[in-house]
Amino acid sequence: MKLDIYFAIQFLPALVNHLLQTTAVFFLVWVLTAMLQRHRAALRFRLWMAASLKFLVPFSLLIAAGQHLRPEAAQPVETRAVGHLVTQAVQPYAGPVLPSQMLAPVRYEKRNTKVYMAEGMVVLWMLGACAVFGLWLRNWMIGAGIARRAAPWMTMEGLAVRKTRGVLEPCVFGLIRPVLLMPEDLPARLTAQEIDAIVAHELCHVRRRDNLTAALHAAVTALFWFHPAVWFVRARLLDERERACDEGVVVAGNDRELYAQSILNVCRMYAEAPADAMAGVTGGELTQRIVRIMTEAASMRLSGRRKMLLASAAALLCGLPLAAGVLGARAAYADDAGVPIPFEVFSIRPTSMAPQSGAGGPLGGIRPDGYSAHGWDLWSSIMMAYSPRDFHGWKSDDIVNYPKSSWAKTRYDIDARIPAADIARWREQDAQHELLSAALREALQERCHMAAHVAQRERPVFALTLGKKPPKYDKVTGAQIYPENSFAVGEGVLVPGNHPRLLNVSMTTLAEFLSNGSDRHIVDSTGLKGLYNITLIRLPYEKRDASEPRPASPFFDLEASGFSLKPTTAMLPTIVIDHLEPPTPN
């Protein structure tokens, strides 16, 4: 078996964390059931079943569900503090933080004690799980064999009754479609009234689906056999389910003494069915059951105060992890939004690539562990560091005071890597552009001694207005299904073709899309609100104007689409260079 240090150190603390949380829930249920001893056994059974299922549901799942509910904006500091406290409350144990050099696989010729111990624990767990599951499977196969050999007898309240040969007590077998197995000699040994009482008990098992809940706890026992609480919960579940059925039989009007005598007679004449695979009549603490049947008064109804107590406990168990996820995610979002990831390595050197003609994007881009760009000048790197737009939307007047020296026209190759500990946050798509911009700004400040700021400047633009021809757009009024060949653009998509279509987009998005082909920024002045489906009429190649500077819309006939572009000016954010030097050597 190959088991590395990462698994040994990271998985085991997470398991201990989950077991501590589950143990806390177990003790809470123990206290609640002790307070409810005079109430219905079915209520206590549900509480113990909840404690059993908690073994299968880590709080981390609820925390993860809460994290998906985080908003898109950072929350106030007070909210982050509460989220931190809640997260700490539901996560009592934290594993050690691994240095990056320990995340690599271990060389197995240099195995250490921790690896051997971890492997030994896994082997021991597997042996125990197989033994517990094997015992349950054996009992289940025995029951299946008996049910298969049993002959049909009758149907009682929609339940198939089969008669069996042998010494097995009356019992219910099956999860989805249970059957009642009755010894064929039972009518000769018990009176009709006693048989009715036994059947009433078994029908309670069917209505409660006790075989299904027993199978669920059998799965919990097989996985967590090493935890003492699992075995305690198993005993309580078996006892409370029999008490619940006893209460049901007595409440239905059956004579207490007759019912108790019928249980004792069955116990004397037949063998007990395996309780984890079949629901019989003689299970649980038999002596205490008989005493309770004969002496116990009717169960108390839950008072309003106790109902409030149970509701509060349920809200605490489910709501606390969800709140931790929501508030913790808000805290992480708010904290991470203002914390840049600096490059651990930032190499910049003159490129060996030949200059490329035409407008194109960078060779390279964001990598899973950093960033690379080949053949870019410092102007492009500054735009990447400060502009929220894609490089297709950059304009020559986006930067002012850029040096006119020859070194400022030099093209460079950039190879940057981030620390290994920050890779997970770096790969988050929502924050990736902001993290890259912040890292580039810091790198340029360090290597080029750059000082810059963003200011509003009045600049020439084109205003997108409504034209004179009938419009080629429709307002969106309902949900839309996008074609498979579409590409995301703003809040909608672009469907390419001879006449491209923009679906589910605002006029602001249309203006930004058209800006990609113009030497000026285009701003929305249509006055139209909402989302639209827009068809753009593409200009034939022979009619396109390739002159410099580019015309307002070199690719599309906007007049034919119902729009017009008018030259004007607007206040736009502009990058102002205060100081810039050639990059220092690597």
Foldseek 3Di string as FASTA:
>chain_A
DFDFPCCLQAVVQVLVQLVVLLVVLLVVLVVLCVVQVLFALVVNLVSLLVSLCSLVPGLVVLLQVLQVVADPDFDDPVLLVVLVVLVCVSGVTDTDDDDPVRVDGDDVVPDDPSRVVSVVVVVVLLVQLCVLVVVLVVLQVVVVVQVVPFAFDDADPNATETEGDDFEFWWWFDQPRIHTYHHPCVCVQDPPLLVVLQVLLRVLCVVVSQLNSLLSLSNSCSNPVVDVSSVVSNLSNFASSLSNSLLRSVVVPRDLVSNLVSLVSSVVRHDYRDVSGIGGNCIHPSVVSNVCSVDPDRRDDDDPVSVVVVVVVVCCVNVSSSSSSHSNSSSCSNVVLPDAFAFPDKAKDFAPDDDDDDDDDFDWAADLFGTKGGFAFVVVLLCLLPPPDDPLLDAPQLEPPQDPDPNRVTTIIIDTGTDPVCSVVCPPPVCVSVNNSPNSVVQQCVFWVWDKDKDWDKDKAKEKEFADDDAQKDADDDDDDDDPQWDDQPPFTWDDDQWIKTFFAFVQSVQSVQSSQANHRYGYPHPDDHTMIFTWHFDPPVPFDPDPPHDSGRTTDVNNNRIDIDMDIDTDIHMYIPGTGNTDHD
